Amino acid sequence: FLLFLLLLCHISAIVMLYICTKGVIPLSFAEDIKNIRKKCLLSQNDFAESLHVSFTTINRWENGKVVPKLRSLKRLEAFCLEHDVPFDAQSYITDNELTKE
């Protein structure tokens, strides 16, 4: 019975860890996006227009809800090059993104 409880706790911990971390985006990306925008002295709306995305998209990036797809990362990288702001898009590109586009 004790072994059963131990196994149940272990499985529960694994399931909770999976549930809690599924889809979680590193905070550093959200911070990077916000810092890029602020260095360029842009509002979220102006930044969105520059990248040809919606205000909501910028807001979701800055709040860590989503990471841009490859196409948007490329636009962001070009924007940063144009405005002399350091940004390493490669660090945010996943293997899945490379196979999609």
Protein backbone atom coordinates (compact mmCIF):
# COMPACT_ATOMS: atom_id res chain seq x y z
CA PHE A 1 0.00 0.00 0.00
CA LEU A 2 2.83 2.41 0.84
CA LEU A 3 4.51 1.66 -2.48
CA PHE A 4 1.23 2.36 -4.26
CA LEU A 5 0.90 5.77 -2.54
CA LEU A 6 4.49 6.64 -3.36
CA LEU A 7 3.96 5.74 -7.00
CA LEU A 8 0.71 7.72 -7.10
CA CYS A 9 2.43 10.80 -5.65
CA HIS A 10 5.27 10.48 -8.15
CA ILE A 11 2.87 10.22 -11.08
CA SER A 12 0.82 13.15 -9.77
CA ALA A 13 3.96 15.27 -9.49
CA ILE A 14 4.95 14.47 -13.07
CA VAL A 15 1.45 15.27 -14.35
CA MET A 16 1.34 18.56 -12.44
CA LEU A 17 4.78 19.55 -13.70
CA TYR A 18 3.67 18.86 -17.27
CA ILE A 19 0.41 20.79 -16.85
CA CYS A 20 2.12 23.75 -15.20
CA THR A 21 4.92 24.05 -17.74
CA LYS A 22 3.03 23.21 -20.94
CA GLY A 23 3.11 26.23 -23.18
CA VAL A 24 5.10 28.37 -20.77
CA ILE A 25 7.31 30.86 -22.56
CA PRO A 26 10.58 32.01 -21.02
CA LEU A 27 10.12 35.41 -19.43
CA SER A 28 13.32 36.61 -21.03
CA PHE A 29 11.63 36.70 -24.45
CA ALA A 30 8.77 38.83 -23.17
CA GLU A 31 11.29 41.14 -21.51
CA ASP A 32 13.38 41.31 -24.69
CA ILE A 33 10.37 42.35 -26.78
CA LYS A 34 9.36 45.02 -24.30
CA ASN A 35 12.94 46.32 -24.07
CA ILE A 36 13.26 46.51 -27.86
CA ARG A 37 10.05 48.51 -28.07
CA LYS A 38 11.05 50.86 -25.25
CA LYS A 39 14.55 51.44 -26.67
CA CYS A 40 12.87 52.60 -29.86
CA LEU A 41 10.49 54.82 -27.86
CA LEU A 42 7.42 53.20 -29.41
CA SER A 43 3.99 52.46 -28.04
CA GLN A 44 2.71 48.93 -28.41
CA ASN A 45 0.46 50.15 -31.21
CA ASP A 46 3.30 51.86 -33.11
CA PHE A 47 5.53 48.83 -32.63
CA ALA A 48 2.76 46.60 -33.95
CA GLU A 49 2.36 48.74 -37.05
CA SER A 50 6.12 48.64 -37.68
CA LEU A 51 6.08 44.83 -37.58
CA HIS A 52 2.79 44.45 -39.49
CA VAL A 53 1.07 42.69 -36.60
CA SER A 54 -1.80 43.69 -34.34
CA PHE A 55 -1.58 45.54 -31.04
CA THR A 56 -2.95 42.39 -29.40
CA THR A 57 -0.07 40.34 -30.81
CA ILE A 58 2.53 42.70 -29.32
CA ASN A 59 0.70 42.64 -26.03
CA ARG A 60 0.64 38.83 -25.97
CA TRP A 61 4.37 38.70 -26.81
CA GLU A 62 5.20 41.16 -24.03
CA ASN A 63 3.07 39.28 -21.51
CA GLY A 64 4.72 35.96 -22.37
CA LYS A 65 1.57 34.34 -23.71
CA VAL A 66 3.00 33.49 -27.13
CA VAL A 67 6.26 33.56 -29.06
CA PRO A 68 6.21 34.90 -32.61
CA LYS A 69 6.25 32.50 -35.52
CA LEU A 70 9.30 32.40 -37.75
CA ARG A 71 8.00 35.05 -40.17
CA SER A 72 7.40 37.53 -37.35
CA LEU A 73 10.76 36.74 -35.78
CA LYS A 74 12.41 37.57 -39.10
CA ARG A 75 10.53 40.87 -39.27
CA LEU A 76 11.52 41.61 -35.68
CA GLU A 77 15.15 40.84 -36.45
CA ALA A 78 15.07 43.15 -39.50
CA PHE A 79 13.46 45.88 -37.40
CA CYS A 80 16.20 45.54 -34.78
CA LEU A 81 18.96 45.68 -37.40
CA GLU A 82 17.40 48.80 -38.89
CA HIS A 83 17.17 50.48 -35.48
CA ASP A 84 20.56 49.31 -34.16
CA VAL A 85 19.00 47.25 -31.36
CA PRO A 86 20.66 43.92 -30.52
CA PHE A 87 18.38 40.90 -30.94
CA ASP A 88 19.20 37.25 -31.57
CA ALA A 89 16.22 35.72 -33.36
CA GLN A 90 18.03 32.37 -33.67
CA SER A 91 17.74 31.81 -29.93
CA TYR A 92 13.94 31.84 -30.19
CA ILE A 93 13.56 29.69 -33.30
CA THR A 94 12.54 26.14 -32.46
CA ASP A 95 13.08 23.07 -34.58
CA ASN A 96 9.31 22.99 -35.21
CA GLU A 97 9.39 26.51 -36.64
CA LEU A 98 12.19 25.60 -39.02
CA THR A 99 10.16 22.77 -40.49
CA LYS A 100 6.97 24.87 -40.83
CA GLU A 101 8.37 27.67 -43.02
